[in-house]
Amino acid sequence: MKSLFTCIAMTVLFGWSLLQAQDKSTYVTTYIDFPFTWSNATENGVDLNGVVRFTPFFNFGNNLNIDFSKKTGFYVGWSIHNTGFIYDVDASTRKKVRNYYLGIPVGLKLGNMWGSFLYTGYEIEFPFNYKEKTIINEQKTKFSTWFSSRTGIQQSFTVGVQSPYGASLKFKYYFTNFYKQSYTESNGSGGTVKPYEDFNANIYWLSLTFEIFRGLDFVYD
């Protein structure tokens, strides 16, 4: 419920801010991310062998920026993220899992607003497409589903540094568990099981991010 209220408040603020966009201190930016992700996944307290995942496609968003001065600013926006991780169940079985998320980021900027600056913030992300691939002795099976109940809303903390030319290095830590530990499914014998009851996974995200547009102006002209 708190997450829902947070989402509504951010959406209202974003809409209000758009209506106030009348000068160069308020502008919209468009960006793309090229992230590397990994996880600290454990099951029954045992560390699972994780592998770094590179996901160059379908990570983008828009931010509304409000610069209070030449040295400080605020942003709020929306994003689409392809976020997941890879882990080994055992020596012969590897799993690759991911969600597409609709995110709402909000944060602060410190530095030269039209040059180099630091930024930090919070993002709430709503999953809408889950995909899982299992590889057993090089034999692959996979499935995907919309609005799966096995995963829930994600929340993350963001910190980054941006260069004068729109490129930035961004780090995110997802402090909510990737899976719902309360999720149940059929065990095939008329009963149910909780496959993620003892599964814990928090995702780390490190990306090269490129700001493409500021307003209607192409950043790299």
C-alpha atoms as a PDB file:
ATOM      1  CA  MET A   1       0.000   0.000   0.000  1.00  0.00           C
ATOM      2  CA  LYS A   2       2.841   2.406   0.828  1.00  0.00           C
ATOM      3  CA  SER A   3       4.399   1.665  -2.571  1.00  0.00           C
ATOM      4  CA  LEU A   4       1.091   2.454  -4.297  1.00  0.00           C
ATOM      5  CA  PHE A   5       0.814   5.799  -2.514  1.00  0.00           C
ATOM      6  CA  THR A   6       4.440   6.569  -3.418  1.00  0.00           C
ATOM      7  CA  CYS A   7       3.722   5.814  -7.090  1.00  0.00           C
ATOM      8  CA  ILE A   8       0.611   8.016  -7.112  1.00  0.00           C
ATOM      9  CA  ALA A   9       2.441  10.888  -5.424  1.00  0.00           C
ATOM     10  CA  MET A  10       5.334  10.721  -7.895  1.00  0.00           C
ATOM     11  CA  THR A  11       2.985  10.580 -10.876  1.00  0.00           C
ATOM     12  CA  VAL A  12       1.062  13.619  -9.665  1.00  0.00           C
ATOM     13  CA  LEU A  13       4.303  15.510  -9.066  1.00  0.00           C
ATOM     14  CA  PHE A  14       5.567  14.586 -12.530  1.00  0.00           C
ATOM     15  CA  GLY A  15       2.361  15.808 -14.171  1.00  0.00           C
ATOM     16  CA  TRP A  16       2.330  19.031 -12.160  1.00  0.00           C
ATOM     17  CA  SER A  17       5.945  19.713 -13.032  1.00  0.00           C
ATOM     18  CA  LEU A  18       5.291  19.262 -16.743  1.00  0.00           C
ATOM     19  CA  LEU A  19       2.696  21.990 -16.556  1.00  0.00           C
ATOM     20  CA  GLN A  20       5.279  24.310 -15.000  1.00  0.00           C
ATOM     21  CA  ALA A  21       7.896  23.786 -17.745  1.00  0.00           C
ATOM     22  CA  GLN A  22       8.330  27.345 -19.062  1.00  0.00           C
ATOM     23  CA  ASP A  23      12.076  28.088 -19.097  1.00  0.00           C
ATOM     24  CA  LYS A  24      15.524  26.506 -19.380  1.00  0.00           C
ATOM     25  CA  SER A  25      15.576  25.528 -15.695  1.00  0.00           C
ATOM     26  CA  THR A  26      12.827  22.966 -16.421  1.00  0.00           C
ATOM     27  CA  TYR A  27      13.353  20.476 -19.245  1.00  0.00           C
ATOM     28  CA  VAL A  28      12.831  16.849 -20.231  1.00  0.00           C
ATOM     29  CA  THR A  29      15.701  14.463 -20.985  1.00  0.00           C
ATOM     30  CA  THR A  30      15.593  11.135 -22.826  1.00  0.00           C
ATOM     31  CA  TYR A  31      18.194   8.464 -22.025  1.00  0.00           C
ATOM     32  CA  ILE A  32      19.156   4.841 -22.702  1.00  0.00           C
ATOM     33  CA  ASP A  33      20.937   2.394 -20.362  1.00  0.00           C
ATOM     34  CA  PHE A  34      23.411  -0.378 -21.130  1.00  0.00           C
ATOM     35  CA  PRO A  35      23.437  -2.299 -17.830  1.00  0.00           C
ATOM     36  CA  PHE A  36      25.460  -5.098 -16.294  1.00  0.00           C
ATOM     37  CA  THR A  37      23.494  -6.892 -13.555  1.00  0.00           C
ATOM     38  CA  TRP A  38      24.279  -9.575 -11.003  1.00  0.00           C
ATOM     39  CA  SER A  39      22.837 -10.895  -7.748  1.00  0.00           C
ATOM     40  CA  ASN A  40      23.791 -12.154  -4.288  1.00  0.00           C
ATOM     41  CA  ALA A  41      21.368 -15.070  -4.675  1.00  0.00           C
ATOM     42  CA  THR A  42      21.191 -17.719  -1.948  1.00  0.00           C
ATOM     43  CA  GLU A  43      18.906 -20.709  -1.389  1.00  0.00           C
ATOM     44  CA  ASN A  44      18.588 -22.301   2.035  1.00  0.00           C
ATOM     45  CA  GLY A  45      21.518 -20.123   3.069  1.00  0.00           C
ATOM     46  CA  VAL A  46      23.800 -21.535   0.352  1.00  0.00           C
ATOM     47  CA  ASP A  47      25.408 -19.093  -2.080  1.00  0.00           C
ATOM     48  CA  LEU A  48      24.476 -19.724  -5.701  1.00  0.00           C
ATOM     49  CA  ASN A  49      27.147 -19.175  -8.300  1.00  0.00           C
ATOM     50  CA  GLY A  50      26.145 -15.944 -10.036  1.00  0.00           C
ATOM     51  CA  VAL A  51      27.171 -14.693 -13.464  1.00  0.00           C
ATOM     52  CA  VAL A  52      27.206 -11.092 -14.682  1.00  0.00           C
ATOM     53  CA  ARG A  53      24.392 -10.405 -17.152  1.00  0.00           C
ATOM     54  CA  PHE A  54      24.711  -7.758 -19.900  1.00  0.00           C
ATOM     55  CA  THR A  55      21.398  -6.448 -21.263  1.00  0.00           C
ATOM     56  CA  PRO A  56      21.830  -3.750 -23.930  1.00  0.00           C
ATOM     57  CA  PHE A  57      18.261  -3.716 -25.231  1.00  0.00           C
ATOM     58  CA  PHE A  58      15.069  -2.004 -24.074  1.00  0.00           C
ATOM     59  CA  ASN A  59      16.373   0.060 -21.180  1.00  0.00           C
ATOM     60  CA  PHE A  60      15.304   3.671 -21.602  1.00  0.00           C
ATOM     61  CA  GLY A  61      13.357   6.489 -20.012  1.00  0.00           C
ATOM     62  CA  ASN A  62      12.469  10.152 -19.700  1.00  0.00           C
ATOM     63  CA  ASN A  63      13.167  12.498 -16.800  1.00  0.00           C
ATOM     64  CA  LEU A  64      11.663  15.854 -16.044  1.00  0.00           C
ATOM     65  CA  ASN A  65      14.492  18.004 -14.638  1.00  0.00           C
ATOM     66  CA  ILE A  66      13.957  21.054 -12.443  1.00  0.00           C
ATOM     67  CA  ASP A  67      17.169  22.990 -11.790  1.00  0.00           C
ATOM     68  CA  PHE A  68      16.883  25.113  -8.653  1.00  0.00           C
ATOM     69  CA  SER A  69      20.199  26.793  -9.463  1.00  0.00           C
ATOM     70  CA  LYS A  70      23.317  26.217 -11.571  1.00  0.00           C
ATOM     71  CA  LYS A  71      24.534  23.767  -8.909  1.00  0.00           C
ATOM     72  CA  THR A  72      21.452  21.852  -7.716  1.00  0.00           C
ATOM     73  CA  GLY A  73      18.514  20.162  -9.357  1.00  0.00           C
ATOM     74  CA  PHE A  74      15.712  17.618  -9.046  1.00  0.00           C
ATOM     75  CA  TYR A  75      14.398  14.952 -11.398  1.00  0.00           C
ATOM     76  CA  VAL A  76      11.363  12.673 -11.661  1.00  0.00           C
ATOM     77  CA  GLY A  77      10.337  10.485 -14.578  1.00  0.00           C
ATOM     78  CA  TRP A  78       9.516   7.064 -15.926  1.00  0.00           C
ATOM     79  CA  SER A  79      11.578   4.177 -17.308  1.00  0.00           C
ATOM     80  CA  ILE A  80      11.413   0.722 -18.873  1.00  0.00           C
ATOM     81  CA  HIS A  81      14.035  -1.723 -17.588  1.00  0.00           C
ATOM     82  CA  ASN A  82      15.049  -5.264 -18.495  1.00  0.00           C
ATOM     83  CA  THR A  83      16.436  -6.457 -15.153  1.00  0.00           C
ATOM     84  CA  GLY A  84      17.448  -9.932 -14.034  1.00  0.00           C
ATOM     85  CA  PHE A  85      20.286 -12.240 -13.091  1.00  0.00           C
ATOM     86  CA  ILE A  86      21.938 -15.572 -13.859  1.00  0.00           C
ATOM     87  CA  TYR A  87      22.747 -18.287 -11.333  1.00  0.00           C
ATOM     88  CA  ASP A  88      23.738 -21.942 -11.165  1.00  0.00           C
ATOM     89  CA  VAL A  89      21.412 -24.368  -9.390  1.00  0.00           C
ATOM     90  CA  ASP A  90      24.117 -27.062  -9.517  1.00  0.00           C
ATOM     91  CA  ALA A  91      27.027 -28.125 -11.727  1.00  0.00           C
ATOM     92  CA  SER A  92      24.742 -29.048 -14.640  1.00  0.00           C
ATOM     93  CA  THR A  93      21.864 -26.547 -14.301  1.00  0.00           C
ATOM     94  CA  ARG A  94      21.896 -22.814 -14.937  1.00  0.00           C
ATOM     95  CA  LYS A  95      18.960 -20.409 -14.758  1.00  0.00           C
ATOM     96  CA  LYS A  96      18.543 -17.012 -16.416  1.00  0.00           C
ATOM     97  CA  VAL A  97      15.647 -14.949 -15.061  1.00  0.00           C
ATOM     98  CA  ARG A  98      14.459 -11.423 -15.777  1.00  0.00           C
ATOM     99  CA  ASN A  99      11.566  -9.008 -15.578  1.00  0.00           C
ATOM    100  CA  TYR A 100      10.570  -6.036 -17.639  1.00  0.00           C
ATOM    101  CA  TYR A 101       9.727  -3.212 -15.249  1.00  0.00           C
ATOM    102  CA  LEU A 102       7.927   0.100 -15.508  1.00  0.00           C
ATOM    103  CA  GLY A 103       9.847   2.368 -13.159  1.00  0.00           C
ATOM    104  CA  ILE A 104       9.296   5.769 -11.585  1.00  0.00           C
ATOM    105  CA  PRO A 105      12.608   7.369 -10.525  1.00  0.00           C
ATOM    106  CA  VAL A 106      13.016  10.474  -8.384  1.00  0.00           C
ATOM    107  CA  GLY A 107      16.229  12.104  -7.189  1.00  0.00           C
ATOM    108  CA  LEU A 108      18.561  15.034  -6.652  1.00  0.00           C
ATOM    109  CA  LYS A 109      21.474  16.393  -8.722  1.00  0.00           C
ATOM    110  CA  LEU A 110      24.545  18.221  -7.372  1.00  0.00           C
ATOM    111  CA  GLY A 111      27.220  19.923  -9.461  1.00  0.00           C
ATOM    112  CA  ASN A 112      27.191  21.797 -12.753  1.00  0.00           C
ATOM    113  CA  MET A 113      23.701  21.242 -14.135  1.00  0.00           C
ATOM    114  CA  TRP A 114      24.955  21.778 -17.722  1.00  0.00           C
ATOM    115  CA  GLY A 115      28.294  20.055 -17.159  1.00  0.00           C
ATOM    116  CA  SER A 116      29.437  17.315 -14.775  1.00  0.00           C
ATOM    117  CA  PHE A 117      27.307  16.464 -11.760  1.00  0.00           C
ATOM    118  CA  LEU A 118      26.484  13.744  -9.250  1.00  0.00           C
ATOM    119  CA  TYR A 119      22.978  12.384  -8.832  1.00  0.00           C
ATOM    120  CA  THR A 120      21.277  10.111  -6.339  1.00  0.00           C
ATOM    121  CA  GLY A 121      17.736   8.890  -5.979  1.00  0.00           C
ATOM    122  CA  TYR A 122      15.096   6.248  -5.430  1.00  0.00           C
ATOM    123  CA  GLU A 123      13.121   4.208  -7.950  1.00  0.00           C
ATOM    124  CA  ILE A 124       9.999   2.094  -7.626  1.00  0.00           C
ATOM    125  CA  GLU A 125       9.516  -0.498 -10.390  1.00  0.00           C
ATOM    126  CA  PHE A 126       6.440  -2.512 -11.362  1.00  0.00           C
ATOM    127  CA  PRO A 127       7.007  -5.874 -13.138  1.00  0.00           C
ATOM    128  CA  PHE A 128       4.940  -6.651 -16.208  1.00  0.00           C
ATOM    129  CA  ASN A 129       6.731  -9.477 -18.067  1.00  0.00           C
ATOM    130  CA  TYR A 130       8.670 -12.348 -16.479  1.00  0.00           C
ATOM    131  CA  LYS A 131      10.952 -14.709 -18.405  1.00  0.00           C
ATOM    132  CA  GLU A 132      12.880 -17.727 -17.185  1.00  0.00           C
ATOM    133  CA  LYS A 133      15.351 -19.864 -19.114  1.00  0.00           C
ATOM    134  CA  THR A 134      16.713 -23.159 -17.736  1.00  0.00           C
ATOM    135  CA  ILE A 135      19.811 -24.766 -19.214  1.00  0.00           C
ATOM    136  CA  ILE A 136      20.483 -28.393 -18.202  1.00  0.00           C
ATOM    137  CA  ASN A 137      23.542 -29.988 -19.802  1.00  0.00           C
ATOM    138  CA  GLU A 138      23.277 -27.417 -22.626  1.00  0.00           C
ATOM    139  CA  GLN A 139      19.603 -28.264 -23.279  1.00  0.00           C
ATOM    140  CA  LYS A 140      17.453 -25.118 -23.027  1.00  0.00           C
ATOM    141  CA  THR A 141      13.848 -24.658 -21.963  1.00  0.00           C
ATOM    142  CA  LYS A 142      12.172 -21.324 -21.378  1.00  0.00           C
ATOM    143  CA  PHE A 143       8.873 -19.620 -20.680  1.00  0.00           C
ATOM    144  CA  SER A 144       7.579 -16.090 -20.231  1.00  0.00           C
ATOM    145  CA  THR A 145       4.405 -14.720 -18.711  1.00  0.00           C
ATOM    146  CA  TRP A 146       2.705 -11.372 -18.260  1.00  0.00           C
ATOM    147  CA  PHE A 147       2.089  -9.936 -14.799  1.00  0.00           C
ATOM    148  CA  SER A 148       3.413 -12.985 -12.975  1.00  0.00           C
ATOM    149  CA  SER A 149       2.564 -13.229  -9.278  1.00  0.00           C
ATOM    150  CA  ARG A 150       5.919 -14.871  -8.547  1.00  0.00           C
ATOM    151  CA  THR A 151       7.646 -11.470  -8.490  1.00  0.00           C
ATOM    152  CA  GLY A 152       6.595  -8.187  -6.937  1.00  0.00           C
ATOM    153  CA  ILE A 153       7.278  -4.470  -6.883  1.00  0.00           C
ATOM    154  CA  GLN A 154      10.975  -3.612  -6.739  1.00  0.00           C
ATOM    155  CA  GLN A 155      12.566  -0.664  -4.979  1.00  0.00           C
ATOM    156  CA  SER A 156      16.096   0.558  -5.548  1.00  0.00           C
ATOM    157  CA  PHE A 157      18.637   3.173  -4.537  1.00  0.00           C
ATOM    158  CA  THR A 158      20.561   4.940  -7.318  1.00  0.00           C
ATOM    159  CA  VAL A 159      23.819   6.892  -7.421  1.00  0.00           C
ATOM    160  CA  GLY A 160      25.659   8.123 -10.515  1.00  0.00           C
ATOM    161  CA  VAL A 161      27.972  10.647 -12.089  1.00  0.00           C
ATOM    162  CA  GLN A 162      27.278  12.406 -15.397  1.00  0.00           C
ATOM    163  CA  SER A 163      29.776  13.949 -17.811  1.00  0.00           C
ATOM    164  CA  PRO A 164      29.269  17.244 -19.700  1.00  0.00           C
ATOM    165  CA  TYR A 165      28.380  15.307 -22.861  1.00  0.00           C
ATOM    166  CA  GLY A 166      25.412  13.336 -21.533  1.00  0.00           C
ATOM    167  CA  ALA A 167      27.190  10.067 -20.702  1.00  0.00           C
ATOM    168  CA  SER A 168      27.025   8.799 -17.139  1.00  0.00           C
ATOM    169  CA  LEU A 169      27.958   5.845 -14.958  1.00  0.00           C
ATOM    170  CA  LYS A 170      24.989   4.665 -12.874  1.00  0.00           C
ATOM    171  CA  PHE A 171      24.843   2.190  -9.982  1.00  0.00           C
ATOM    172  CA  LYS A 172      21.600   0.806  -8.557  1.00  0.00           C
ATOM    173  CA  TYR A 173      20.983  -1.556  -5.655  1.00  0.00           C
ATOM    174  CA  TYR A 174      17.607  -3.313  -5.424  1.00  0.00           C
ATOM    175  CA  PHE A 175      16.898  -3.656  -1.720  1.00  0.00           C
ATOM    176  CA  THR A 176      13.744  -5.755  -2.204  1.00  0.00           C
ATOM    177  CA  ASN A 177      13.806  -9.481  -2.918  1.00  0.00           C
ATOM    178  CA  PHE A 178      13.415 -10.396  -6.597  1.00  0.00           C
ATOM    179  CA  TYR A 179      10.931 -13.186  -5.840  1.00  0.00           C
ATOM    180  CA  LYS A 180       7.918 -13.301  -3.544  1.00  0.00           C
ATOM    181  CA  GLN A 181       8.739 -15.886  -0.894  1.00  0.00           C
ATOM    182  CA  SER A 182       4.994 -16.377  -0.293  1.00  0.00           C
ATOM    183  CA  TYR A 183       4.349 -17.386  -3.928  1.00  0.00           C
ATOM    184  CA  THR A 184       2.724 -20.833  -4.279  1.00  0.00           C
ATOM    185  CA  GLU A 185       2.299 -23.187  -7.231  1.00  0.00           C
ATOM    186  CA  SER A 186       1.063 -26.705  -7.835  1.00  0.00           C
ATOM    187  CA  ASN A 187       3.394 -29.573  -6.987  1.00  0.00           C
ATOM    188  CA  GLY A 188       1.714 -31.820  -9.580  1.00  0.00           C
ATOM    189  CA  SER A 189       0.159 -34.079  -6.943  1.00  0.00           C
ATOM    190  CA  GLY A 190      -2.811 -31.988  -5.905  1.00  0.00           C
ATOM    191  CA  GLY A 191      -0.897 -29.933  -3.373  1.00  0.00           C
ATOM    192  CA  THR A 192       1.086 -26.709  -3.450  1.00  0.00           C
ATOM    193  CA  VAL A 193       4.662 -25.676  -2.782  1.00  0.00           C
ATOM    194  CA  LYS A 194       6.467 -22.397  -2.174  1.00  0.00           C
ATOM    195  CA  PRO A 195       9.441 -22.611  -4.579  1.00  0.00           C
ATOM    196  CA  TYR A 196      11.025 -19.352  -3.394  1.00  0.00           C
ATOM    197  CA  GLU A 197      10.366 -19.669   0.347  1.00  0.00           C
ATOM    198  CA  ASP A 198      14.095 -19.979   1.107  1.00  0.00           C
ATOM    199  CA  PHE A 199      15.354 -18.100  -1.952  1.00  0.00           C
ATOM    200  CA  ASN A 200      16.870 -14.642  -1.495  1.00  0.00           C
ATOM    201  CA  ALA A 201      18.149 -12.445  -4.310  1.00  0.00           C
ATOM    202  CA  ASN A 202      18.910  -8.731  -4.430  1.00  0.00           C
ATOM    203  CA  ILE A 203      20.069  -7.313  -7.744  1.00  0.00           C
ATOM    204  CA  TYR A 204      23.030  -5.015  -8.380  1.00  0.00           C
ATOM    205  CA  TRP A 205      22.979  -2.850 -11.510  1.00  0.00           C
ATOM    206  CA  LEU A 206      25.900  -0.993 -13.110  1.00  0.00           C
ATOM    207  CA  SER A 207      25.224   0.783 -16.389  1.00  0.00           C
ATOM    208  CA  LEU A 208      26.624   3.108 -18.972  1.00  0.00           C
ATOM    209  CA  THR A 209      23.838   5.617 -19.518  1.00  0.00           C
ATOM    210  CA  PHE A 210      23.579   8.048 -22.412  1.00  0.00           C
ATOM    211  CA  GLU A 211      21.352  11.101 -22.418  1.00  0.00           C
ATOM    212  CA  ILE A 212      20.120  11.407 -26.017  1.00  0.00           C
ATOM    213  CA  PHE A 213      17.813  14.429 -25.939  1.00  0.00           C
ATOM    214  CA  ARG A 214      17.397  17.516 -23.788  1.00  0.00           C
ATOM    215  CA  GLY A 215      13.988  18.775 -24.709  1.00  0.00           C
ATOM    216  CA  LEU A 216      13.933  18.614 -28.508  1.00  0.00           C
ATOM    217  CA  ASP A 217      17.709  19.134 -28.831  1.00  0.00           C
ATOM    218  CA  PHE A 218      20.013  16.228 -29.665  1.00  0.00           C
ATOM    219  CA  VAL A 219      22.717  16.135 -26.972  1.00  0.00           C
ATOM    220  CA  TYR A 220      25.539  14.974 -29.256  1.00  0.00           C
ATOM    221  CA  ASP A 221      25.242  17.693 -31.913  1.00  0.00           C
END
